[in-house]
Amino acid sequence: MMPASNMKILTVAVAAETLGWDYRFTTTLQARGTISGGVLHGDLIVRGNGDPTINTRDARAAAVFDDWGRALHSAGIDAIDGRVIGDDQAFDDEGIGAGWAWDYLQYDYAAPVGALQYNEDVATLTISAGSDPGARPVVQLQAGSGLELVNHGTTGAPGSLDTIDFRRYLDRPVLEVTGSIPLGTTSDARSVAVVNPTTFFAQALKSELSARGIAVAGPAVDFDDVAAEFVLSGNDPQHARPSETSIARSESPPLRDIATVLMKVSENLYAETFLKAIGAAQKGLGTTEGGRITAQKVLTEWGIKPDSYVMYDGSGLSRYNYVTAGTVADVLQHMYNDPRHREAFTATLPIAGKDGTIATRLRGTRAEGNAVAKTGSIANVRSLSGFVRTRDGERIVFSILSNDFVIPSARITAMADLAVETLANFTRLE
């Protein structure tokens, strides 16, 4: 069965086993050139290995940029006459997963993954109504997205429906805005997946440094576009590599905290990052394929047969993923039975009626505050897998996968909830 986001159960389990719950991603700043008179005569290089947490959650991005600004000032750098270069070599450049549907690549839940990631690789699209009905709305897209805006929207009458939407062209990096926005609407914000996470990160860093009083004269660029400059040409001193000075090092929160966000809100970008990170750590391959190789090795060691699942990505967004409910249950049981993982793993799961993606489900039942489970949802797929205690206090593991249904998805969800409620009500007969 296609598992949708229940694939994240396998991804988090393997990441915890290979990287450890205390693992932290790192991002560094390097000054490439000479520093004199308060100016870096050269480039500022930012290198990362996938930290997905430099975003607005808990204002972490602001804290990181504050630290980097102070570090640059402390190093005697108040201006940069070169560029901001994003070095993303820890991962490959395949940001989009195999089997992801083309018609949702513009949306935030399908943002591409990279070794440098800012704001979960989504840019803000802001739409405001025009001056009169029938006029074009005013549209703005955050710098660094890599997308060209085409505005085909219109301003509707006051009180009319907001039908604004946007789509990516398939043949070129163009974002088309369509639909109508009611007259008087001053700011309708949407999240748009960027084209290149690295240039988006570098552009954000350049803007944030400027806001902290450190002007950058050059552009924000991807290392891939300037890599030839970093290759030494024999012993010719004119082509010698400029020296690099370490400026700052930032560590992400531990994997246990990142995994909790991943599972509670079902953050696809975090899951794809985990899969590439385990490939980089175990095989030296910061690729999805490297992650799959590592995952298969770990799962096989746990007694899970390779023919019981097909893993094409880490998030479950791919429609090429397949898994048996028994395999999901086996992974859950393994994590619960292993004292190294039990507490940390179960803490990542949403709590019925309390938080995460099942915060509004199973309320008023014995499963509320009792069942912890991961949801999954893509077109014609619904899944729910986790743990629940019976009336006798017995812990039950369950996995419910639904595919190819034509009835309303709400009925599928209700049926899954009824199954979990039934387990919560169960008691063994004497």
Protein backbone atom coordinates (compact mmCIF):
# COMPACT_ATOMS: atom_id res chain seq x y z
CA MET A 1 0.00 0.00 0.00
CA MET A 2 1.07 3.62 -0.53
CA PRO A 3 1.78 4.88 3.01
CA ALA A 4 1.83 8.66 2.41
CA SER A 5 3.43 10.26 5.48
CA ASN A 6 3.57 6.96 7.36
CA MET A 7 6.81 6.54 5.43
CA LYS A 8 8.21 9.06 7.91
CA ILE A 9 8.03 6.35 10.58
CA LEU A 10 10.68 4.35 8.70
CA THR A 11 12.76 7.45 7.98
CA VAL A 12 12.87 8.68 11.57
CA ALA A 13 13.56 5.18 12.90
CA VAL A 14 16.54 4.69 10.59
CA ALA A 15 17.85 8.22 11.25
CA ALA A 16 17.73 7.63 15.00
CA GLU A 17 19.58 4.35 14.60
CA THR A 18 22.31 5.68 12.31
CA LEU A 19 22.77 9.29 13.43
CA GLY A 20 21.58 9.08 17.04
CA TRP A 21 19.04 11.20 18.91
CA ASP A 22 21.72 13.73 19.87
CA TYR A 23 22.97 14.33 16.33
CA ARG A 24 23.20 17.99 15.28
CA PHE A 25 23.54 19.51 11.82
CA THR A 26 26.26 22.14 11.43
CA THR A 27 26.57 25.30 9.35
CA THR A 28 29.78 27.34 9.14
CA LEU A 29 30.87 30.77 7.93
CA GLN A 30 34.26 31.21 6.28
CA ALA A 31 35.86 34.47 5.15
CA ARG A 32 37.77 33.86 1.90
CA GLY A 33 40.21 36.69 1.38
CA THR A 34 41.92 39.35 3.50
CA ILE A 35 40.46 41.54 6.23
CA SER A 36 41.60 45.12 6.61
CA GLY A 37 40.03 48.42 7.56
CA GLY A 38 36.81 46.70 8.60
CA VAL A 39 36.34 45.20 5.13
CA LEU A 40 36.53 41.59 3.95
CA HIS A 41 38.28 41.86 0.60
CA GLY A 42 36.87 38.65 -0.78
CA ASP A 43 33.90 36.36 -0.34
CA LEU A 44 31.90 35.08 2.60
CA ILE A 45 31.25 31.35 2.28
CA VAL A 46 28.45 29.60 4.14
CA ARG A 47 28.69 25.79 4.24
CA GLY A 48 26.04 23.43 5.49
CA ASN A 49 25.20 19.76 5.77
CA GLY A 50 21.42 20.07 5.69
CA ASP A 51 20.29 21.90 8.84
CA PRO A 52 16.54 22.31 8.19
CA THR A 53 15.87 24.40 11.30
CA ILE A 54 17.15 27.82 10.21
CA ASN A 55 13.62 29.12 9.88
CA THR A 56 10.96 31.06 11.77
CA ARG A 57 10.06 28.26 14.19
CA ASP A 58 11.04 29.53 17.65
CA ALA A 59 12.76 32.47 15.87
CA ARG A 60 15.81 30.26 15.29
CA ALA A 61 16.80 31.92 11.99
CA ALA A 62 16.90 35.35 13.64
CA ALA A 63 19.04 33.97 16.47
CA VAL A 64 21.48 32.34 14.03
CA PHE A 65 21.84 35.49 11.94
CA ASP A 66 22.31 37.56 15.10
CA ASP A 67 25.16 35.26 16.16
CA TRP A 68 26.77 35.43 12.73
CA GLY A 69 26.49 39.21 12.62
CA ARG A 70 28.23 39.49 16.00
CA ALA A 71 30.90 37.01 14.91
CA LEU A 72 31.65 39.00 11.76
CA HIS A 73 31.92 42.24 13.71
CA SER A 74 34.20 40.51 16.23
CA ALA A 75 36.41 39.36 13.36
CA GLY A 76 36.76 42.96 12.25
CA ILE A 77 34.36 42.68 9.33
CA ASP A 78 31.85 45.52 8.93
CA ALA A 79 31.53 45.24 5.15
CA ILE A 80 32.18 42.64 2.43
CA ASP A 81 33.34 43.73 -0.99
CA GLY A 82 32.82 40.27 -2.49
CA ARG A 83 29.98 37.79 -2.65
CA VAL A 84 28.00 35.52 -0.36
CA ILE A 85 28.64 32.00 -1.64
CA GLY A 86 26.47 29.08 -0.57
CA ASP A 87 28.47 25.83 -0.45
CA ASP A 88 25.99 22.94 -0.65
CA GLN A 89 28.38 20.14 -1.58
CA ALA A 90 27.35 17.91 1.34
CA PHE A 91 24.20 16.95 -0.61
CA ASP A 92 23.52 16.46 -4.29
CA ASP A 93 21.35 18.93 -6.19
CA GLU A 94 18.34 16.62 -6.66
CA GLY A 95 15.93 18.52 -4.46
CA ILE A 96 12.69 16.98 -5.70
CA GLY A 97 11.80 13.37 -5.04
CA ALA A 98 10.97 10.70 -7.61
CA GLY A 99 7.23 10.22 -7.96
CA TRP A 100 6.27 13.67 -6.70
CA ALA A 101 3.28 14.94 -8.66
CA TRP A 102 4.13 17.81 -11.03
CA ASP A 103 1.05 19.83 -10.12
CA TYR A 104 2.06 20.47 -6.51
CA LEU A 105 5.72 21.38 -6.93
CA GLN A 106 4.92 25.07 -6.32
CA TYR A 107 3.50 24.44 -2.86
CA ASP A 108 5.38 24.59 0.43
CA TYR A 109 4.89 20.91 1.25
CA ALA A 110 6.88 20.01 -1.90
CA ALA A 111 9.81 22.38 -1.29
CA PRO A 112 13.13 21.04 -2.60
CA VAL A 113 15.74 19.81 -0.12
CA GLY A 114 19.36 21.00 -0.02
CA ALA A 115 22.47 21.15 2.14
CA LEU A 116 21.67 24.83 2.87
CA GLN A 117 18.07 25.51 3.82
CA TYR A 118 16.40 28.74 4.91
CA ASN A 119 12.78 29.10 6.00
CA GLU A 120 12.09 25.50 4.98
CA ASP A 121 12.89 26.49 1.39
CA VAL A 122 9.71 28.48 0.88
CA ALA A 123 9.42 32.11 -0.18
CA THR A 124 6.55 34.42 0.72
CA LEU A 125 4.21 35.54 -2.05
CA THR A 126 2.20 38.60 -1.05
CA ILE A 127 -0.91 39.67 -2.97
CA SER A 128 -2.79 42.92 -2.36
CA ALA A 129 -5.88 44.17 -4.14
CA GLY A 130 -5.59 46.76 -6.89
CA SER A 131 -7.12 50.21 -6.72
CA ASP A 132 -10.38 49.30 -8.47
CA PRO A 133 -12.41 46.21 -9.41
CA GLY A 134 -10.92 44.71 -12.54
CA ALA A 135 -7.44 46.06 -11.86
CA ARG A 136 -4.43 43.79 -11.51
CA PRO A 137 -3.55 42.99 -7.90
CA VAL A 138 -0.17 44.00 -6.53
CA VAL A 139 2.06 40.92 -6.21
CA GLN A 140 5.49 40.59 -4.58
CA LEU A 141 7.72 37.54 -4.19
CA GLN A 142 10.52 37.25 -1.64
CA ALA A 143 14.00 37.73 -3.11
CA GLY A 144 16.03 34.66 -3.98
CA SER A 145 13.13 32.39 -4.94
CA GLY A 146 14.51 31.92 -8.44
CA LEU A 147 11.04 32.47 -9.92
CA GLU A 148 9.80 35.10 -12.34
CA LEU A 149 6.33 36.42 -11.54
CA VAL A 150 3.55 36.57 -14.13
CA ASN A 151 0.47 38.35 -12.82
CA HIS A 152 -2.81 37.25 -14.40
CA GLY A 153 -4.88 37.96 -11.31
CA THR A 154 -7.67 40.48 -10.96
CA THR A 155 -9.29 42.60 -8.26
CA GLY A 156 -12.86 41.61 -7.45
CA ALA A 157 -15.73 43.58 -5.92
CA PRO A 158 -15.71 44.22 -2.15
CA GLY A 159 -16.80 41.10 -0.31
CA SER A 160 -16.27 38.80 -3.31
CA LEU A 161 -14.60 35.42 -2.99
CA ASP A 162 -10.81 35.21 -2.75
CA THR A 163 -9.89 32.76 -5.52
CA ILE A 164 -6.21 33.67 -5.82
CA ASP A 165 -4.00 30.72 -6.76
CA PHE A 166 -0.57 30.21 -8.30
CA ARG A 167 1.19 27.59 -10.41
CA ARG A 168 4.67 26.81 -11.68
CA TYR A 169 5.35 26.53 -15.39
CA LEU A 170 6.88 23.18 -16.27
CA ASP A 171 9.29 24.44 -18.93
CA ARG A 172 10.81 27.42 -17.13
CA PRO A 173 11.04 29.00 -13.63
CA VAL A 174 7.92 31.13 -13.88
CA LEU A 175 5.20 31.51 -11.25
CA GLU A 176 1.81 32.52 -12.58
CA VAL A 177 -0.70 34.18 -10.26
CA THR A 178 -4.36 33.70 -11.18
CA GLY A 179 -7.79 34.27 -9.66
CA SER A 180 -9.48 37.19 -7.94
CA ILE A 181 -8.84 39.05 -4.70
CA PRO A 182 -11.56 41.22 -3.07
CA LEU A 183 -11.13 44.99 -3.24
CA GLY A 184 -9.69 46.29 0.04
CA THR A 185 -7.56 43.22 0.82
CA THR A 186 -4.18 44.62 1.80
CA SER A 187 -2.08 41.49 2.27
CA ASP A 188 -2.83 37.91 1.27
CA ALA A 189 0.34 35.89 1.97
CA ARG A 190 1.09 32.49 0.45
CA SER A 191 4.10 30.17 0.71
CA VAL A 192 5.86 29.16 -2.51
CA ALA A 193 8.52 26.48 -2.95
CA VAL A 194 11.77 28.02 -4.19
CA VAL A 195 13.77 26.80 -7.19
CA ASN A 196 17.26 26.60 -5.64
CA PRO A 197 17.55 26.31 -1.84
CA THR A 198 21.22 27.34 -1.89
CA THR A 199 20.77 30.67 -3.67
CA PHE A 200 17.70 31.33 -1.52
CA PHE A 201 19.80 30.78 1.62
CA ALA A 202 22.68 32.93 0.31
CA GLN A 203 20.29 35.74 -0.63
CA ALA A 204 18.62 35.59 2.79
CA LEU A 205 22.02 35.73 4.50
CA LYS A 206 23.04 38.75 2.41
CA SER A 207 19.80 40.55 3.33
CA GLU A 208 20.06 39.66 7.00
CA LEU A 209 23.67 40.85 7.21
CA SER A 210 22.69 44.15 5.60
CA ALA A 211 19.97 44.53 8.23
CA ARG A 212 22.68 44.08 10.87
CA GLY A 213 24.93 46.75 9.43
CA ILE A 214 27.17 44.56 7.27
CA ALA A 215 26.87 45.56 3.63
CA VAL A 216 27.70 43.01 0.94
CA ALA A 217 28.75 44.50 -2.40
CA GLY A 218 28.59 41.33 -4.49
CA PRO A 219 25.72 38.99 -5.36
CA ALA A 220 24.48 35.90 -3.53
CA VAL A 221 25.51 32.81 -5.52
CA ASP A 222 25.52 29.01 -5.50
CA PHE A 223 28.97 27.42 -5.14
CA ASP A 224 28.22 25.31 -8.23
CA ASP A 225 28.23 28.46 -10.35
CA VAL A 226 31.68 29.57 -9.21
CA ALA A 227 33.33 26.22 -8.41
CA ALA A 228 36.02 26.68 -11.07
CA GLU A 229 37.46 29.58 -9.07
CA PHE A 230 38.19 27.20 -6.19
CA VAL A 231 40.40 24.90 -8.26
CA LEU A 232 44.13 25.55 -8.01
CA SER A 233 45.97 25.95 -11.33
CA GLY A 234 49.39 24.43 -10.74
CA ASN A 235 51.81 26.60 -8.78
CA ASP A 236 50.91 29.85 -10.47
CA PRO A 237 50.68 32.38 -7.60
CA GLN A 238 48.19 34.42 -9.60
CA HIS A 239 45.76 31.51 -9.31
CA ALA A 240 46.55 30.51 -5.74
CA ARG A 241 43.54 29.89 -3.56
CA PRO A 242 42.84 32.79 -1.16
CA SER A 243 43.11 31.86 2.49
CA GLU A 244 39.95 31.09 4.45
CA THR A 245 39.28 32.25 7.99
CA SER A 246 36.74 30.52 10.18
CA ILE A 247 34.19 33.04 11.42
CA ALA A 248 31.32 31.12 13.00
CA ARG A 249 29.85 27.66 13.51
CA SER A 250 26.17 27.00 14.21
CA GLU A 251 24.70 23.73 15.45
CA SER A 252 21.08 22.75 15.03
CA PRO A 253 18.92 21.48 17.87
CA PRO A 254 19.42 17.73 18.46
CA LEU A 255 17.78 15.23 16.15
CA ARG A 256 15.24 14.30 18.84
CA ASP A 257 13.83 17.84 18.72
CA ILE A 258 13.90 18.04 14.93
CA ALA A 259 12.21 14.65 14.67
CA THR A 260 9.45 15.81 17.01
CA VAL A 261 8.62 18.73 14.71
CA LEU A 262 8.91 16.41 11.71
CA MET A 263 6.37 13.95 13.07
CA LYS A 264 4.01 16.28 14.92
CA VAL A 265 3.38 18.57 11.93
CA SER A 266 4.44 16.08 9.23
CA GLU A 267 7.19 18.30 7.82
CA ASN A 268 8.25 16.79 4.50
CA LEU A 269 11.44 18.82 4.14
CA TYR A 270 12.79 17.52 7.45
CA ALA A 271 12.17 13.92 6.41
CA GLU A 272 13.91 14.33 3.05
CA THR A 273 16.83 15.96 4.86
CA PHE A 274 17.08 13.01 7.25
CA LEU A 275 17.22 10.54 4.36
CA LYS A 276 20.08 12.37 2.62
CA ALA A 277 21.88 12.91 5.93
CA ILE A 278 21.94 9.20 6.76
CA GLY A 279 23.30 8.53 3.28
CA ALA A 280 26.04 11.11 3.79
CA ALA A 281 26.92 9.79 7.25
CA GLN A 282 27.04 6.09 6.38
CA LYS A 283 27.98 5.94 2.71
CA GLY A 284 29.46 9.35 2.03
CA LEU A 285 26.54 9.87 -0.34
CA GLY A 286 24.39 12.87 0.52
CA THR A 287 21.73 11.58 -1.83
CA THR A 288 18.32 10.00 -1.59
CA GLU A 289 19.78 6.82 -3.06
CA GLY A 290 22.51 6.80 -0.41
CA GLY A 291 19.82 7.14 2.24
CA ARG A 292 17.80 4.30 0.74
CA ILE A 293 20.85 2.02 0.75
CA THR A 294 21.46 2.78 4.42
CA ALA A 295 17.78 2.37 5.30
CA GLN A 296 17.61 -1.04 3.66
CA LYS A 297 20.72 -2.20 5.52
CA VAL A 298 19.30 -1.10 8.88
CA LEU A 299 15.83 -2.50 8.28
CA THR A 300 17.27 -5.82 7.12
CA GLU A 301 19.29 -6.02 10.33
CA TRP A 302 15.99 -5.58 12.19
CA GLY A 303 14.53 -8.59 10.38
CA ILE A 304 12.37 -6.58 7.98
CA LYS A 305 12.39 -8.13 4.53
CA PRO A 306 13.33 -5.88 1.60
CA ASP A 307 10.34 -7.15 -0.39
CA SER A 308 7.92 -5.78 2.22
CA TYR A 309 8.48 -2.13 1.29
CA VAL A 310 9.55 0.16 -1.57
CA MET A 311 11.18 3.38 -0.33
CA TYR A 312 11.54 6.15 -2.90
CA ASP A 313 11.68 9.14 -0.57
CA GLY A 314 11.75 9.95 3.12
CA SER A 315 8.54 11.92 3.48
CA GLY A 316 5.93 9.74 1.78
CA LEU A 317 5.13 12.38 -0.81
CA SER A 318 6.15 10.01 -3.61
CA ARG A 319 3.48 7.81 -5.12
CA TYR A 320 6.20 5.23 -5.83
CA ASN A 321 6.42 4.30 -2.14
CA TYR A 322 4.86 1.03 -1.04
CA VAL A 323 4.84 -0.72 2.32
CA THR A 324 2.81 -3.35 4.14
CA ALA A 325 0.94 -2.47 7.31
CA GLY A 326 2.84 -5.32 8.95
CA THR A 327 6.15 -3.68 8.12
CA VAL A 328 5.07 -0.36 9.64
CA ALA A 329 3.91 -2.22 12.76
CA ASP A 330 7.20 -4.12 12.92
CA VAL A 331 9.22 -0.88 12.81
CA LEU A 332 7.04 0.66 15.52
CA GLN A 333 7.41 -2.44 17.68
CA HIS A 334 11.19 -2.48 17.20
CA MET A 335 11.48 1.16 18.26
CA TYR A 336 9.31 0.54 21.32
CA ASN A 337 11.21 -2.58 22.37
CA ASP A 338 14.62 -0.92 22.08
CA PRO A 339 15.34 1.04 25.29
CA ARG A 340 17.65 3.37 23.33
CA HIS A 341 14.71 4.53 21.23
CA ARG A 342 11.46 3.94 23.10
CA GLU A 343 11.06 7.20 24.99
CA ALA A 344 12.51 9.52 22.34
CA PHE A 345 10.62 7.92 19.46
CA THR A 346 7.20 7.78 21.11
CA ALA A 347 7.64 11.43 22.14
CA THR A 348 7.81 12.41 18.46
CA LEU A 349 4.34 11.06 17.68
CA PRO A 350 1.21 13.25 17.70
CA ILE A 351 -1.10 12.68 20.68
CA ALA A 352 -4.76 11.98 19.96
CA GLY A 353 -6.97 14.95 20.78
CA LYS A 354 -3.99 16.95 22.08
CA ASP A 355 -1.37 17.95 19.51
CA GLY A 356 0.08 17.52 16.06
CA THR A 357 -1.91 16.23 13.13
CA ILE A 358 -4.40 14.37 15.36
CA ALA A 359 -5.04 17.26 17.76
CA THR A 360 -8.74 17.35 16.83
CA ARG A 361 -9.28 13.62 16.40
CA LEU A 362 -10.58 11.02 18.89
CA ARG A 363 -11.68 13.62 21.41
CA GLY A 364 -14.11 12.40 24.02
CA THR A 365 -12.97 8.79 23.65
CA ARG A 366 -10.63 6.57 25.67
CA ALA A 367 -8.07 7.13 22.92
CA GLU A 368 -7.82 10.86 23.68
CA GLY A 369 -4.48 11.57 25.35
CA ASN A 370 -3.77 7.86 25.08
CA ALA A 371 -3.14 6.99 21.42
CA VAL A 372 -0.01 8.36 19.77
CA ALA A 373 0.11 7.99 16.01
CA LYS A 374 1.45 9.26 12.71
CA THR A 375 -1.04 10.29 10.06
CA GLY A 376 -0.61 10.16 6.30
CA SER A 377 -2.50 11.93 3.54
CA ILE A 378 -2.07 12.29 -0.21
CA ALA A 379 -4.72 11.94 -2.92
CA ASN A 380 -6.66 8.68 -2.41
CA VAL A 381 -4.36 7.64 0.44
CA ARG A 382 -4.99 7.85 4.19
CA SER A 383 -2.92 6.18 6.89
CA LEU A 384 -2.70 6.08 10.68
CA SER A 385 -0.13 4.06 12.63
CA GLY A 386 1.07 4.14 16.21
CA PHE A 387 0.37 2.92 19.74
CA VAL A 388 -2.65 2.85 22.04
CA ARG A 389 -3.33 1.38 25.49
CA THR A 390 -6.35 -0.82 26.11
CA ARG A 391 -8.62 -0.50 29.17
CA ASP A 392 -6.35 -3.09 30.81
CA GLY A 393 -3.27 -0.94 30.21
CA GLU A 394 -1.91 -3.23 27.52
CA ARG A 395 0.10 -1.43 24.83
CA ILE A 396 -1.11 -2.21 21.29
CA VAL A 397 0.72 -1.33 18.07
CA PHE A 398 -1.44 -0.70 15.01
CA SER A 399 -1.11 0.31 11.37
CA ILE A 400 -4.07 1.28 9.18
CA LEU A 401 -3.37 1.98 5.50
CA SER A 402 -6.12 2.91 3.02
CA ASN A 403 -5.63 3.27 -0.75
CA ASP A 404 -7.69 3.75 -3.91
CA PHE A 405 -10.96 4.70 -2.24
CA VAL A 406 -13.71 6.67 -3.99
CA ILE A 407 -15.79 7.54 -0.94
CA PRO A 408 -15.08 10.84 0.85
CA SER A 409 -11.75 10.81 2.67
CA ALA A 410 -13.49 12.02 5.84
CA ARG A 411 -15.27 8.65 6.03
CA ILE A 412 -11.96 6.81 5.74
CA THR A 413 -10.57 8.95 8.57
CA ALA A 414 -13.64 8.24 10.71
CA MET A 415 -13.26 4.49 10.12
CA ALA A 416 -9.61 4.58 11.17
CA ASP A 417 -10.51 6.56 14.29
CA LEU A 418 -13.23 4.06 15.17
CA ALA A 419 -10.70 1.23 14.90
CA VAL A 420 -8.32 3.00 17.30
CA GLU A 421 -11.18 3.80 19.68
CA THR A 422 -12.16 0.13 19.63
CA LEU A 423 -8.63 -0.85 20.61
CA ALA A 424 -8.67 1.71 23.44
CA ASN A 425 -11.95 0.20 24.71
CA PHE A 426 -10.70 -3.37 24.54
CA THR A 427 -10.45 -5.48 27.70
CA ARG A 428 -9.52 -9.16 27.99
CA LEU A 429 -12.28 -11.42 29.22
CA GLU A 430 -11.54 -13.43 32.32
